[in-house]
Structures are given as C-alpha cells and as structure tokens.
Amino acid sequence: MSVIAIGGRRYACGLYWLGRGGARATARTARRLGRPWCVHHGERTGFAAADTRAADTRAEDTGAGDAAGSPAGLDPEGLGPEGLHSESFDPEGLGALALALLEHVEGAFWMALVDGEAADGRDRYALVKARDGAVLADGDEAFDDRAAAVAAFERARTLGWALFATPGLLEELGGSGIAPIDPAALGETASRLGAAIALRSAAPSVRRRRAPVAAAIGIAALAAAVAVWLQRDVLLSWLESPAPVSAPVASSEPTFAVSVDGAALIAACRQALIDNPPFLPGWRIERIECAARFADVELSGVRPELAGRPVLLARWRLASGHAEAVQRRVAERHLGGWHAAMVADGRAWALAPMAPVLRMTEVAPPALLELRRAVDRALGTGGARIGYARGADGGWSVRIDDPGPLPRLARLAGGIEGLELTALSRGETGGWRLAGRPAAPVTLAASQLRALGVAVDEAPGRGKGPGERSDGAAGSGEGPAGGHQAETDHGT
C-alpha cells in the first residue's frame, strides 16, 4: 500500500481487493496476506499493508532502522498504513482512493490514472480499474515512476474502459477520449464519504492482546468450565449409543478425467484462423494466441462467457503512415464477424471461440525425463528450440519455439504421449510457440463438459472420451464455435 496526496488530501492506494467475509475471515485473510489494515465496501474488502517506502524514507532521514529498512527494527506488521507505529496511527482522514473514485466517477467499466505526491514530496501515481461498481482484485496499483504508470495505462486502454485522468497527465496520455478528474471535486467526494472509506485495523494487534500468563490461564480455565456446563447435554449424548448415520447420496451424474488434446487444439486454432482471417489492411499483427482454457484477466472480465473455453485471441496495432480515422473503420468492418472486438487509439483486439479440445484420458503424469526424450525425438530434431521451467507450484512447463507450420505441428506435437498443450502463440516476428506441461488430467462432471461445448456420451461401456470421434480427435455436437451464436461487440 502507498499513501498519495492529491489536491492537498491524502489517500490510500495500492490495496488488494477480495470478496467480503465475516470479522474472523477478514482477520485471517489479513494475517495471511501480511496486510493488517482494511476497508469494507459492499461485497468487497480492500486489504492494505504498511507504506514501507515511507518507513524507509523516515529511517534514512533519522538514521534509525535495521537492515530491512523498518524504523527502529519494527516489522511491517507493527506499522500503520503510513509507515508509523500502528499504536500511534489514526486512520481518520486517510480514505481509500479507489472508493473515492468509485463514488466520483460515472460509468460501470472505467479506468483512472491520477498523479500526486508521496509523504516525502516525491511524485506518486495511482491506477484504479473498476467494473460494475467494484474495484478489480488487482485493479488498485501505485507507482513511483511516471513512465511505468503511463505504460500500465497504455497497455490496458484499448480494452473498452471509460478513461479518466488528472489534468497533469492528460497531455502525455494523448487526451483523446480521456475525461479529466478535478482533484478538488474528488476531495469533496472523499470528505462527504468520511469514515465510510477510512482504513481500519483488520484484526487486533498482537501486542494489545498480550496479558499476564497467570491471568490468561485463569480466564481459559473459567471459559472451559462454563463451556462444559453449557454443553452438558451434548456430553451426555456422547455416552449413549450413536444414532445411525445415513450414507451420503452419491451424485448420479457421471464424471470424466479429461485433458487437452494437443492435435485437436492445433487443428481448432488453424480452423479458427481460416474462419476469421487475421489480416487487416493498414494494421500489423502484434500477437495471435490460441488458448485451450481462456484466462486473460482483463478480457475475460469483458467477455465472461468465454472464460475457461478454447479461444483465439488476436491483437493488432496501426502501421505507421496510416490515418487512424480511416483505418479504424476498415478494422471495424473486417472484425465484424468475430465474437467480440474492440478498435481504439491505434490498437485493436478480437476474440473467437474455437472447437472443443478436451478428451478423456487415464494417463498418469509422466516423469519429466521420459517427456523430455519424447519431445526431443519429435520436435528437437527438426530445429525447434525447447525449454523447460519449474513454476511456483513445483510443476514443470514446456516451451517449444519455431517448430514449423500448423499442419506439421498437428502431426508432431499431437502424437507425444504425456504432453498436454495449453496454448500456442505467434508474435509479429513470425514463428509459432507451443506452451505445454506434463499431462495433468482434471475431473469434470458431464454438465461441466456440456457447458464447455463438449458433447458427452454417457452410455456405459462406450470407451471413448467426451465428444471423441472414431479417429481420436475431440469434437462437438454443437458446431465449430462450441454452440455459441457469434456476436460482435466492437466500438470506437
């Protein structure tokens, strides 16, 4: 978390927003995240840590602090949101910037970039993103570097947000389509909200809960005695014969262990590109990506019906020497047949659902050395660059660069036992990249598979996977788009 001063008023920014729970759940989450301060708003709670940068500055100015930068050896848990000792911090007057903007800004889907000052007088910037009256989980960011803040704004500005910025940033951001935010009016909004947006302690301080050991033991003994007396009926029932327990009713819905069919993913990507040609006059292709399970944080929020489905995503930027006013209309006309598209500020993106790519599998995750040998035999001898990396969860991922055209890939990658492809992508420099991992089947119910557009045959003893044809490829009984009626959502 950071503290930013805008128009002479201080705000808290850089909070992490989650679904709201009870008091105990809030306290547990605060301890788990190491963010002891919070603010509630509707069904959401924003969690804040100490402003350790402010603490570091004070430590440098006073010469105090330990090697970790905490003043007088205090850890962040003992600091208030401004880097002060939590016992001396008064949250009155320090409201959450995101909540003030939610009240001040009009619109259901907006992004705002504001500039201000930190406690030491240095420049500080905040970027807030909101949808349907709620701040996105990671949509409350703080920056000390102007270029980084502007770059974060530019990366997301073509996704269809209503755009807002403080006057000091309008010229650098281009100003076109960006509404100004009056810092004074924002301050009036924050003053009107008052305690409703002020930070508070998410859980009592450990220091404040400490009590003499003898008193704590006595209180615990008394509480235990009271609990025994109040629960005497329950204790007596334990001495009786246990009542018969009915067995849980098993769900009649069948389940399937499924994984991504690499050959089906490549074939679905190729067919989606044939159905939706990505070539636009006057526009350069920045990236083409076919994901087995669409999980783009920003775009899945815009088009939630595509989350978890196989999706083709394409991005373009306007080539130099072309007039945006003319080429925007050209792009909109060409992207009219895609499921969803957006053209704005010299950038464009479009989405198209692909055919289902799941198949039933009983294959256990292979050993890494076995998978490496199979990948090297199939693709390494053809000049592809292959890399392996271990993720934070301990699992391995595989990256295969420039392995050839899509028809060749379907024959090679699709036949590697134990390799599960998760995505394939192509940048503006050309050459495909495959992203995969050792096969990790997941269990899905028949209704879940149908929701993903996969035709499921529940007949016993069939022996084939959901939607599987006689040639082993995944298919669907609902058409190439998995049953979706294509629609267009593009704008300027």
Protein backbone atom coordinates (compact mmCIF):
# COMPACT_ATOMS: atom_id res chain seq x y z
CA MET A 1 0.00 0.00 0.00
CA SER A 2 1.02 3.60 -0.60
CA VAL A 3 -0.18 6.99 0.52
CA ILE A 4 -0.72 9.60 -2.19
CA ALA A 5 -1.61 13.29 -1.74
CA ILE A 6 -3.92 14.71 -4.42
CA GLY A 7 -5.07 18.31 -4.23
CA GLY A 8 -3.87 18.59 -0.64
CA ARG A 9 -5.76 15.49 0.55
CA ARG A 10 -4.15 12.15 1.39
CA TYR A 11 -5.49 8.84 0.11
CA ALA A 12 -4.52 5.18 0.50
CA CYS A 13 -3.83 3.36 -2.78
CA GLY A 14 -2.37 0.02 -3.80
CA LEU A 15 -4.89 -2.07 -1.83
CA TYR A 16 -5.70 -5.68 -2.70
CA TRP A 17 -9.46 -6.31 -3.14
CA LEU A 18 -11.21 -9.58 -2.29
CA GLY A 19 -14.72 -10.77 -1.57
CA ARG A 20 -16.03 -9.65 1.80
CA GLY A 21 -16.26 -12.14 4.66
CA GLY A 22 -17.02 -12.01 8.36
CA ALA A 23 -14.82 -10.43 11.01
CA ARG A 24 -12.87 -13.63 11.68
CA ALA A 25 -12.40 -14.38 7.99
CA THR A 26 -11.20 -10.81 7.43
CA ALA A 27 -8.68 -11.14 10.27
CA ARG A 28 -7.39 -14.47 8.93
CA THR A 29 -7.02 -13.07 5.42
CA ALA A 30 -5.21 -10.00 6.74
CA ARG A 31 -2.71 -12.18 8.61
CA ARG A 32 -2.23 -14.50 5.63
CA LEU A 33 -1.58 -11.59 3.24
CA GLY A 34 0.51 -9.63 5.71
CA ARG A 35 -1.87 -6.67 5.25
CA PRO A 36 -3.19 -5.71 8.70
CA TRP A 37 -5.41 -2.82 7.54
CA CYS A 38 -8.63 -2.97 5.56
CA VAL A 39 -11.68 -1.07 4.33
CA HIS A 40 -15.07 -2.62 3.50
CA HIS A 41 -17.24 -1.59 0.57
CA GLY A 42 -20.34 -3.55 -0.38
CA GLU A 43 -19.34 -7.15 -1.08
CA ARG A 44 -15.63 -6.31 -1.33
CA THR A 45 -12.82 -5.67 1.15
CA GLY A 46 -9.58 -3.88 0.35
CA PHE A 47 -6.54 -5.03 2.33
CA ALA A 48 -3.61 -2.70 2.97
CA ALA A 49 -0.08 -3.25 4.25
CA ALA A 50 2.19 -0.62 5.75
CA ASP A 51 3.64 2.02 3.46
CA THR A 52 7.14 0.57 3.81
CA ARG A 53 8.57 3.11 1.35
CA ALA A 54 7.50 5.90 3.67
CA ALA A 55 9.02 3.96 6.56
CA ASP A 56 12.29 3.56 4.66
CA THR A 57 12.39 7.30 3.96
CA ARG A 58 11.89 8.16 7.63
CA ALA A 59 14.56 5.66 8.61
CA GLU A 60 17.01 7.23 6.17
CA ASP A 61 16.22 10.74 7.41
CA THR A 62 16.63 9.83 11.08
CA GLY A 63 19.44 7.33 10.68
CA ALA A 64 17.34 4.72 12.51
CA GLY A 65 16.16 1.38 11.24
CA ASP A 66 17.52 -2.06 10.73
CA ALA A 67 18.94 -3.71 7.65
CA ALA A 68 15.48 -4.45 6.33
CA GLY A 69 14.59 -0.77 6.36
CA SER A 70 11.94 -0.91 9.10
CA PRO A 71 12.15 2.03 11.56
CA ALA A 72 13.63 1.09 14.91
CA GLY A 73 13.60 -2.58 13.91
CA LEU A 74 9.81 -2.79 13.52
CA ASP A 75 8.41 -5.29 11.06
CA PRO A 76 5.61 -4.19 8.68
CA GLU A 77 3.02 -5.88 10.92
CA GLY A 78 3.79 -3.27 13.56
CA LEU A 79 3.43 -0.34 11.21
CA GLY A 80 0.38 1.64 10.29
CA PRO A 81 -0.54 2.44 6.69
CA GLU A 82 1.82 5.42 6.63
CA GLY A 83 4.85 3.58 7.99
CA LEU A 84 4.13 4.85 11.51
CA HIS A 85 3.92 2.62 14.56
CA SER A 86 0.40 1.17 14.47
CA GLU A 87 -0.34 2.26 18.03
CA SER A 88 0.22 5.90 17.12
CA PHE A 89 -1.61 5.79 13.79
CA ASP A 90 -5.01 7.40 13.47
CA PRO A 91 -6.82 6.27 10.30
CA GLU A 92 -9.22 9.21 10.44
CA GLY A 93 -8.88 11.22 7.25
CA LEU A 94 -6.95 8.54 5.29
CA GLY A 95 -9.54 7.13 2.89
CA ALA A 96 -9.16 4.60 0.11
CA LEU A 97 -8.58 6.38 -3.21
CA ALA A 98 -10.37 3.61 -5.15
CA LEU A 99 -13.58 4.10 -3.14
CA ALA A 100 -13.48 7.87 -3.57
CA LEU A 101 -13.11 7.37 -7.32
CA LEU A 102 -15.96 4.83 -7.37
CA GLU A 103 -18.26 7.49 -5.93
CA HIS A 104 -16.84 10.33 -8.05
CA VAL A 105 -16.52 8.66 -11.48
CA GLU A 106 -19.58 7.80 -13.54
CA GLY A 107 -19.69 4.55 -15.50
CA ALA A 108 -19.74 0.79 -14.96
CA PHE A 109 -16.43 -0.09 -16.61
CA TRP A 110 -13.71 2.51 -16.14
CA MET A 111 -10.00 3.06 -15.53
CA ALA A 112 -8.44 6.15 -13.92
CA LEU A 113 -4.82 7.31 -13.66
CA VAL A 114 -4.05 10.04 -11.11
CA ASP A 115 -0.87 11.84 -10.13
CA GLY A 116 0.08 13.19 -6.72
CA GLU A 117 2.83 13.24 -4.11
CA ALA A 118 4.22 10.80 -1.59
CA ALA A 119 4.91 11.74 2.04
CA ASP A 120 8.49 12.71 1.17
CA GLY A 121 7.40 15.05 -1.64
CA ARG A 122 8.31 12.72 -4.49
CA ASP A 123 5.91 12.04 -7.34
CA ARG A 124 3.49 9.17 -6.94
CA TYR A 125 0.85 7.77 -9.30
CA ALA A 126 -2.16 5.50 -8.84
CA LEU A 127 -4.05 3.42 -11.43
CA VAL A 128 -7.54 2.18 -10.48
CA LYS A 129 -9.76 -0.16 -12.53
CA ALA A 130 -13.40 -0.89 -11.70
CA ARG A 131 -16.24 -2.93 -13.14
CA ASP A 132 -19.92 -2.89 -12.12
CA GLY A 133 -19.32 -0.80 -9.02
CA ALA A 134 -16.42 -2.88 -7.66
CA VAL A 135 -12.64 -2.47 -7.81
CA LEU A 136 -10.89 -5.35 -9.58
CA ALA A 137 -8.81 -7.58 -7.30
CA ASP A 138 -5.53 -6.27 -8.72
CA GLY A 139 -7.04 -3.06 -10.08
CA ASP A 140 -5.59 -0.74 -7.42
CA GLU A 141 -1.93 -0.04 -8.23
CA ALA A 142 0.61 2.50 -7.02
CA PHE A 143 3.69 3.70 -8.94
CA ASP A 144 6.65 5.89 -8.06
CA ASP A 145 7.83 6.02 -11.68
CA ARG A 146 5.83 8.13 -14.13
CA ALA A 147 6.85 6.12 -17.19
CA ALA A 148 5.78 2.85 -15.56
CA ALA A 149 2.38 4.31 -14.61
CA VAL A 150 1.77 5.64 -18.13
CA ALA A 151 2.88 2.33 -19.66
CA ALA A 152 0.43 0.38 -17.45
CA PHE A 153 -2.36 2.74 -18.54
CA GLU A 154 -1.44 2.39 -22.23
CA ARG A 155 -1.36 -1.41 -22.07
CA ALA A 156 -4.97 -1.57 -20.93
CA ARG A 157 -6.58 1.45 -22.60
CA THR A 158 -7.80 -0.44 -25.69
CA LEU A 159 -9.90 -2.93 -23.72
CA GLY A 160 -13.02 -0.75 -23.74
CA TRP A 161 -12.72 1.12 -20.44
CA ALA A 162 -14.15 4.58 -19.94
CA LEU A 163 -10.90 6.51 -19.37
CA PHE A 164 -10.18 9.17 -16.73
CA ALA A 165 -7.03 11.03 -15.62
CA THR A 166 -5.97 14.05 -13.60
CA PRO A 167 -5.09 17.21 -15.60
CA GLY A 168 -1.34 16.79 -15.19
CA LEU A 169 -1.42 13.55 -17.20
CA LEU A 170 -3.86 14.39 -20.00
CA GLU A 171 -1.29 15.82 -22.43
CA GLU A 172 1.07 12.86 -22.05
CA LEU A 173 -1.76 10.35 -22.43
CA GLY A 174 -2.96 12.00 -25.61
CA GLY A 175 -6.15 13.43 -24.13
CA SER A 176 -8.38 11.86 -26.81
CA GLY A 177 -11.31 10.10 -25.18
CA ILE A 178 -9.98 10.71 -21.64
CA ALA A 179 -12.18 12.64 -19.20
CA PRO A 180 -10.42 14.89 -16.66
CA ILE A 181 -10.67 14.34 -12.90
CA ASP A 182 -10.86 17.51 -10.79
CA PRO A 183 -8.71 16.90 -7.65
CA ALA A 184 -10.76 19.43 -5.64
CA ALA A 185 -14.05 17.76 -6.56
CA LEU A 186 -12.53 14.37 -5.74
CA GLY A 187 -11.52 15.71 -2.33
CA GLU A 188 -15.07 16.94 -1.70
CA THR A 189 -16.38 13.48 -2.54
CA ALA A 190 -13.91 11.88 -0.12
CA SER A 191 -14.88 14.35 2.64
CA ARG A 192 -18.54 13.54 2.14
CA LEU A 193 -17.86 9.80 2.42
CA GLY A 194 -15.70 10.29 5.53
CA ALA A 195 -15.43 7.21 7.73
CA ALA A 196 -17.10 5.02 5.08
CA ILE A 197 -13.84 4.86 3.13
CA ALA A 198 -11.36 5.15 6.05
CA LEU A 199 -8.90 2.35 6.78
CA ARG A 200 -9.27 0.37 9.97
CA SER A 201 -7.43 -2.45 11.70
CA ALA A 202 -8.40 -5.81 10.24
CA ALA A 203 -7.51 -7.63 13.47
CA PRO A 204 -6.46 -6.58 16.97
CA SER A 205 -2.73 -6.06 17.34
CA VAL A 206 -0.78 -8.96 18.84
CA ARG A 207 0.87 -6.52 21.22
CA ARG A 208 -2.50 -5.35 22.50
CA ARG A 209 -3.71 -8.91 23.12
CA ARG A 210 -0.82 -9.85 25.38
CA ALA A 211 -1.79 -10.47 29.02
CA PRO A 212 -0.05 -11.93 32.05
CA VAL A 213 0.32 -15.70 31.72
CA ALA A 214 -1.41 -16.50 35.02
CA ALA A 215 -4.42 -14.34 34.15
CA ALA A 216 -4.63 -15.92 30.72
CA ILE A 217 -4.60 -19.43 32.24
CA GLY A 218 -7.29 -18.50 34.74
CA ILE A 219 -9.52 -16.99 32.08
CA ALA A 220 -9.07 -20.06 29.90
CA ALA A 221 -9.95 -22.42 32.77
CA LEU A 222 -13.07 -20.43 33.62
CA ALA A 223 -14.16 -20.38 29.99
CA ALA A 224 -13.66 -24.15 29.75
CA ALA A 225 -15.77 -24.75 32.85
CA VAL A 226 -18.58 -22.58 31.53
CA ALA A 227 -18.44 -24.34 28.16
CA VAL A 228 -18.66 -27.78 29.84
CA TRP A 229 -21.69 -26.71 31.87
CA LEU A 230 -23.48 -25.22 28.87
CA GLN A 231 -22.74 -28.27 26.74
CA ARG A 232 -23.62 -30.91 29.35
CA ASP A 233 -26.45 -32.28 27.20
CA VAL A 234 -24.07 -32.78 24.34
CA LEU A 235 -21.57 -34.53 26.63
CA LEU A 236 -24.28 -36.89 27.93
CA SER A 237 -25.30 -37.75 24.39
CA TRP A 238 -21.75 -38.95 23.69
CA LEU A 239 -22.26 -41.71 26.31
CA GLU A 240 -25.31 -43.07 24.51
CA SER A 241 -25.31 -45.36 21.52
CA PRO A 242 -24.64 -43.40 18.36
CA ALA A 243 -27.58 -42.78 16.12
CA PRO A 244 -27.41 -44.46 12.72
CA VAL A 245 -25.83 -42.18 10.14
CA SER A 246 -27.30 -42.22 6.69
CA ALA A 247 -24.78 -42.71 3.94
CA PRO A 248 -24.27 -39.72 1.66
CA VAL A 249 -26.24 -39.92 -1.54
CA ALA A 250 -23.85 -40.26 -4.43
CA SER A 251 -24.42 -37.99 -7.38
CA SER A 252 -25.87 -39.83 -10.35
CA GLU A 253 -24.07 -37.52 -12.76
CA PRO A 254 -21.03 -39.22 -14.35
CA THR A 255 -17.61 -37.61 -14.25
CA PHE A 256 -14.73 -37.79 -16.71
CA ALA A 257 -10.98 -37.36 -16.36
CA VAL A 258 -10.05 -35.08 -19.25
CA SER A 259 -7.02 -33.27 -20.60
CA VAL A 260 -6.25 -31.12 -23.63
CA ASP A 261 -5.76 -32.99 -26.92
CA GLY A 262 -2.76 -31.25 -28.49
CA ALA A 263 -3.67 -32.22 -32.05
CA ALA A 264 -7.24 -31.01 -31.53
CA LEU A 265 -6.00 -27.66 -30.12
CA ILE A 266 -3.74 -27.06 -33.13
CA ALA A 267 -6.48 -28.09 -35.56
CA ALA A 268 -9.03 -25.87 -33.81
CA CYS A 269 -6.62 -22.93 -33.92
CA ARG A 270 -5.97 -23.42 -37.62
CA GLN A 271 -9.69 -23.67 -38.39
CA ALA A 272 -10.45 -20.55 -36.33
CA LEU A 273 -7.84 -18.60 -38.30
CA ILE A 274 -9.40 -19.83 -41.56
CA ASP A 275 -12.86 -18.79 -40.38
CA ASN A 276 -11.57 -15.46 -39.03
CA PRO A 277 -8.69 -14.24 -41.25
CA PRO A 278 -6.45 -12.02 -39.08
CA PHE A 279 -5.03 -9.88 -41.90
CA LEU A 280 -6.20 -6.23 -41.79
CA PRO A 281 -5.13 -3.63 -44.37
CA GLY A 282 -3.00 -0.97 -42.71
CA TRP A 283 -2.64 -2.94 -39.46
CA ARG A 284 0.26 -5.03 -38.14
CA ILE A 285 -0.40 -8.23 -36.23
CA GLU A 286 1.12 -7.94 -32.75
CA ARG A 287 0.13 -11.36 -31.45
CA ILE A 288 -2.06 -14.36 -32.20
CA GLU A 289 -2.80 -16.78 -29.38
CA CYS A 290 -4.93 -19.91 -29.19
CA ALA A 291 -5.57 -20.89 -25.56
CA ALA A 292 -7.04 -24.21 -24.51
CA ARG A 293 -8.60 -22.50 -21.47
CA PHE A 294 -9.05 -18.76 -21.93
CA ALA A 295 -7.91 -16.94 -18.78
CA ASP A 296 -6.86 -13.42 -19.84
CA VAL A 297 -7.54 -11.34 -16.71
CA GLU A 298 -8.73 -8.21 -18.49
CA LEU A 299 -10.62 -9.68 -21.45
CA SER A 300 -12.31 -12.49 -19.53
CA GLY A 301 -13.79 -9.74 -17.36
CA VAL A 302 -15.15 -8.08 -20.50
CA ARG A 303 -16.41 -11.34 -22.03
CA PRO A 304 -17.02 -13.71 -19.06
CA GLU A 305 -18.88 -16.25 -21.22
CA LEU A 306 -15.54 -17.21 -22.82
CA ALA A 307 -13.67 -17.89 -19.58
CA GLY A 308 -12.31 -21.45 -19.47
CA ARG A 309 -13.19 -22.16 -23.12
CA PRO A 310 -10.79 -22.63 -26.05
CA VAL A 311 -10.43 -19.17 -27.61
CA LEU A 312 -8.49 -17.45 -30.40
CA LEU A 313 -7.18 -14.00 -29.39
CA ALA A 314 -5.61 -11.62 -31.92
CA ARG A 315 -4.09 -8.19 -31.33
CA TRP A 316 -3.10 -5.54 -33.90
CA ARG A 317 -1.54 -2.08 -33.94
CA LEU A 318 -1.88 0.58 -36.63
CA ALA A 319 1.02 0.60 -39.08
CA SER A 320 2.95 3.84 -39.48
CA GLY A 321 1.85 6.20 -42.25
CA HIS A 322 -1.86 5.35 -42.00
CA ALA A 323 -4.65 7.66 -40.84
CA GLU A 324 -6.36 6.24 -37.77
CA ALA A 325 -9.76 7.76 -38.63
CA VAL A 326 -9.81 5.82 -41.91
CA GLN A 327 -8.21 2.58 -40.75
CA ARG A 328 -10.41 2.35 -37.68
CA ARG A 329 -13.46 1.95 -39.90
CA VAL A 330 -11.59 -0.57 -42.05
CA ALA A 331 -10.72 -2.65 -38.98
CA GLU A 332 -14.24 -2.49 -37.59
CA ARG A 333 -15.67 -3.73 -40.88
CA HIS A 334 -13.21 -6.64 -41.06
CA LEU A 335 -13.70 -7.60 -37.40
CA GLY A 336 -17.50 -7.52 -37.60
CA GLY A 337 -17.71 -11.30 -37.87
CA TRP A 338 -15.66 -12.06 -34.76
CA HIS A 339 -17.33 -12.97 -31.47
CA ALA A 340 -16.06 -9.76 -29.82
CA ALA A 341 -13.71 -6.99 -30.94
CA MET A 342 -12.53 -3.50 -29.99
CA VAL A 343 -10.72 -0.83 -32.03
CA ALA A 344 -9.40 2.28 -30.27
CA ASP A 345 -6.33 4.54 -30.16
CA GLY A 346 -4.37 2.74 -32.87
CA ARG A 347 -4.81 -0.68 -31.25
CA ALA A 348 -7.31 -3.49 -31.83
CA TRP A 349 -8.14 -6.89 -30.39
CA ALA A 350 -10.65 -9.60 -31.29
CA LEU A 351 -11.84 -12.90 -29.79
CA ALA A 352 -13.28 -16.01 -31.41
CA PRO A 353 -14.31 -19.24 -29.62
CA MET A 354 -12.76 -22.43 -31.00
CA ALA A 355 -13.95 -26.01 -31.25
CA PRO A 356 -13.67 -28.08 -28.02
CA VAL A 357 -10.23 -29.58 -27.42
CA LEU A 358 -10.76 -31.89 -24.42
CA ARG A 359 -10.57 -35.68 -24.48
CA MET A 360 -10.92 -38.39 -21.86
CA THR A 361 -7.66 -39.75 -20.57
CA GLU A 362 -6.44 -42.11 -17.90
CA VAL A 363 -2.77 -41.31 -18.47
CA ALA A 364 -0.82 -40.59 -15.28
CA PRO A 365 1.55 -37.58 -15.38
CA PRO A 366 4.78 -38.83 -16.99
CA ALA A 367 8.22 -38.49 -15.49
CA LEU A 368 10.00 -35.38 -16.74
CA LEU A 369 12.90 -37.32 -18.29
CA GLU A 370 10.51 -39.52 -20.25
CA LEU A 371 8.62 -36.48 -21.51
CA ARG A 372 11.85 -34.71 -22.49
CA ARG A 373 13.00 -37.70 -24.51
CA ALA A 374 9.67 -37.86 -26.35
CA VAL A 375 9.63 -34.11 -27.07
CA ASP A 376 13.26 -34.12 -28.24
CA ARG A 377 12.62 -37.04 -30.60
CA ALA A 378 9.50 -35.49 -32.12
CA LEU A 379 10.47 -31.81 -32.33
CA GLY A 380 14.08 -31.27 -31.31
CA THR A 381 15.49 -32.99 -34.37
CA GLY A 382 13.57 -30.53 -36.57
CA GLY A 383 15.39 -27.44 -35.27
CA ALA A 384 12.85 -26.35 -32.66
CA ARG A 385 14.14 -24.60 -29.54
CA ILE A 386 12.90 -26.37 -26.42
CA GLY A 387 12.98 -25.05 -22.86
CA TYR A 388 11.76 -26.34 -19.50
CA ALA A 389 10.94 -24.30 -16.41
CA ARG A 390 9.63 -25.03 -12.93
CA GLY A 391 6.71 -22.93 -11.69
CA ALA A 392 5.98 -21.59 -8.21
CA ASP A 393 3.67 -24.58 -7.58
CA GLY A 394 6.54 -27.00 -8.29
CA GLY A 395 5.12 -28.16 -11.63
CA TRP A 396 7.06 -28.16 -14.90
CA SER A 397 6.20 -26.25 -18.05
CA VAL A 398 7.49 -26.83 -21.57
CA ARG A 399 8.16 -24.15 -24.21
CA ILE A 400 8.76 -25.07 -27.85
CA ASP A 401 9.76 -22.23 -30.22
CA ASP A 402 9.57 -22.09 -34.01
CA PRO A 403 8.68 -25.74 -34.61
CA GLY A 404 7.13 -25.14 -38.07
CA PRO A 405 3.73 -24.52 -39.69
CA LEU A 406 0.49 -25.61 -38.03
CA PRO A 407 -0.24 -28.69 -40.23
CA ARG A 408 3.18 -30.10 -39.36
CA LEU A 409 2.70 -29.32 -35.67
CA ALA A 410 -0.56 -31.26 -35.50
CA ARG A 411 1.26 -34.40 -36.70
CA LEU A 412 4.28 -33.98 -34.41
CA ALA A 413 3.07 -32.46 -31.13
CA GLY A 414 -0.26 -34.28 -31.22
CA GLY A 415 1.45 -37.65 -31.06
CA ILE A 416 3.64 -37.02 -27.98
CA GLU A 417 2.31 -39.19 -25.17
CA GLY A 418 2.12 -37.36 -21.86
CA LEU A 419 2.41 -33.82 -23.31
CA GLU A 420 -0.57 -31.55 -22.68
CA LEU A 421 -0.55 -28.35 -24.75
CA THR A 422 -2.08 -25.33 -23.03
CA ALA A 423 -1.62 -22.66 -25.73
CA LEU A 424 0.11 -21.77 -28.97
CA SER A 425 1.01 -18.23 -29.99
CA ARG A 426 2.69 -16.27 -32.76
CA GLY A 427 4.27 -12.81 -32.50
CA GLU A 428 4.81 -10.16 -35.14
CA THR A 429 8.26 -11.58 -35.97
CA GLY A 430 6.71 -14.90 -37.06
CA GLY A 431 7.21 -18.44 -35.80
CA TRP A 432 4.87 -20.36 -33.52
CA ARG A 433 5.47 -21.03 -29.83
CA LEU A 434 3.87 -24.01 -28.08
CA ALA A 435 3.26 -23.89 -24.34
CA GLY A 436 2.68 -27.18 -22.59
CA ARG A 437 3.22 -29.25 -19.49
CA PRO A 438 3.26 -32.91 -18.39
CA ALA A 439 -0.29 -34.24 -18.73
CA ALA A 440 -2.39 -33.25 -15.70
CA PRO A 441 -5.92 -34.62 -16.16
CA VAL A 442 -8.77 -32.92 -14.33
CA THR A 443 -12.11 -34.47 -13.38
CA LEU A 444 -15.22 -32.73 -14.73
CA ALA A 445 -18.87 -33.62 -14.49
CA ALA A 446 -20.92 -34.19 -17.63
CA SER A 447 -22.78 -30.90 -17.10
CA GLN A 448 -19.48 -29.01 -16.86
CA LEU A 449 -18.30 -30.52 -20.11
CA ARG A 450 -21.55 -29.60 -21.83
CA ALA A 451 -21.15 -26.04 -20.57
CA LEU A 452 -17.77 -26.01 -22.34
CA GLY A 453 -19.43 -27.10 -25.57
CA VAL A 454 -18.28 -30.72 -25.42
CA ALA A 455 -20.77 -33.39 -26.49
CA VAL A 456 -20.78 -36.15 -23.84
CA ASP A 457 -21.91 -39.72 -24.45
CA GLU A 458 -22.95 -41.13 -21.07
CA ALA A 459 -23.74 -44.60 -22.38
CA PRO A 460 -21.91 -47.23 -20.27
CA GLY A 461 -19.03 -49.09 -21.83
CA ARG A 462 -18.62 -46.72 -24.73
CA GLY A 463 -14.86 -46.43 -24.22
CA LYS A 464 -14.37 -43.06 -25.89
CA GLY A 465 -13.86 -39.62 -24.44
CA PRO A 466 -16.43 -36.83 -24.38
CA GLY A 467 -17.01 -35.63 -27.90
CA GLU A 468 -14.37 -38.04 -29.23
CA ARG A 469 -14.69 -39.19 -32.84
CA SER A 470 -13.62 -42.55 -34.12
CA ASP A 471 -10.26 -41.08 -35.20
CA GLY A 472 -9.48 -39.97 -31.63
CA ALA A 473 -9.87 -36.23 -32.14
CA ALA A 474 -12.09 -34.15 -29.90
CA GLY A 475 -15.31 -32.92 -31.42
CA SER A 476 -18.57 -31.29 -30.51
CA GLY A 477 -22.17 -31.78 -31.34
CA GLU A 478 -22.72 -28.01 -31.28
CA GLY A 479 -20.75 -26.71 -34.23
CA PRO A 480 -17.27 -25.21 -34.59
CA ALA A 481 -17.85 -22.49 -32.05
CA GLY A 482 -18.97 -24.87 -29.32
CA GLY A 483 -22.60 -23.85 -29.58
CA HIS A 484 -22.05 -20.10 -29.26
CA GLN A 485 -24.00 -17.84 -31.53
CA ALA A 486 -21.33 -15.45 -32.77
CA GLU A 487 -21.93 -11.85 -31.87
CA THR A 488 -19.97 -8.67 -32.26
CA ASP A 489 -19.16 -6.13 -29.60
CA HIS A 490 -16.88 -3.53 -31.08
CA GLY A 491 -16.62 0.16 -30.58
CA THR A 492 -14.56 3.19 -31.17
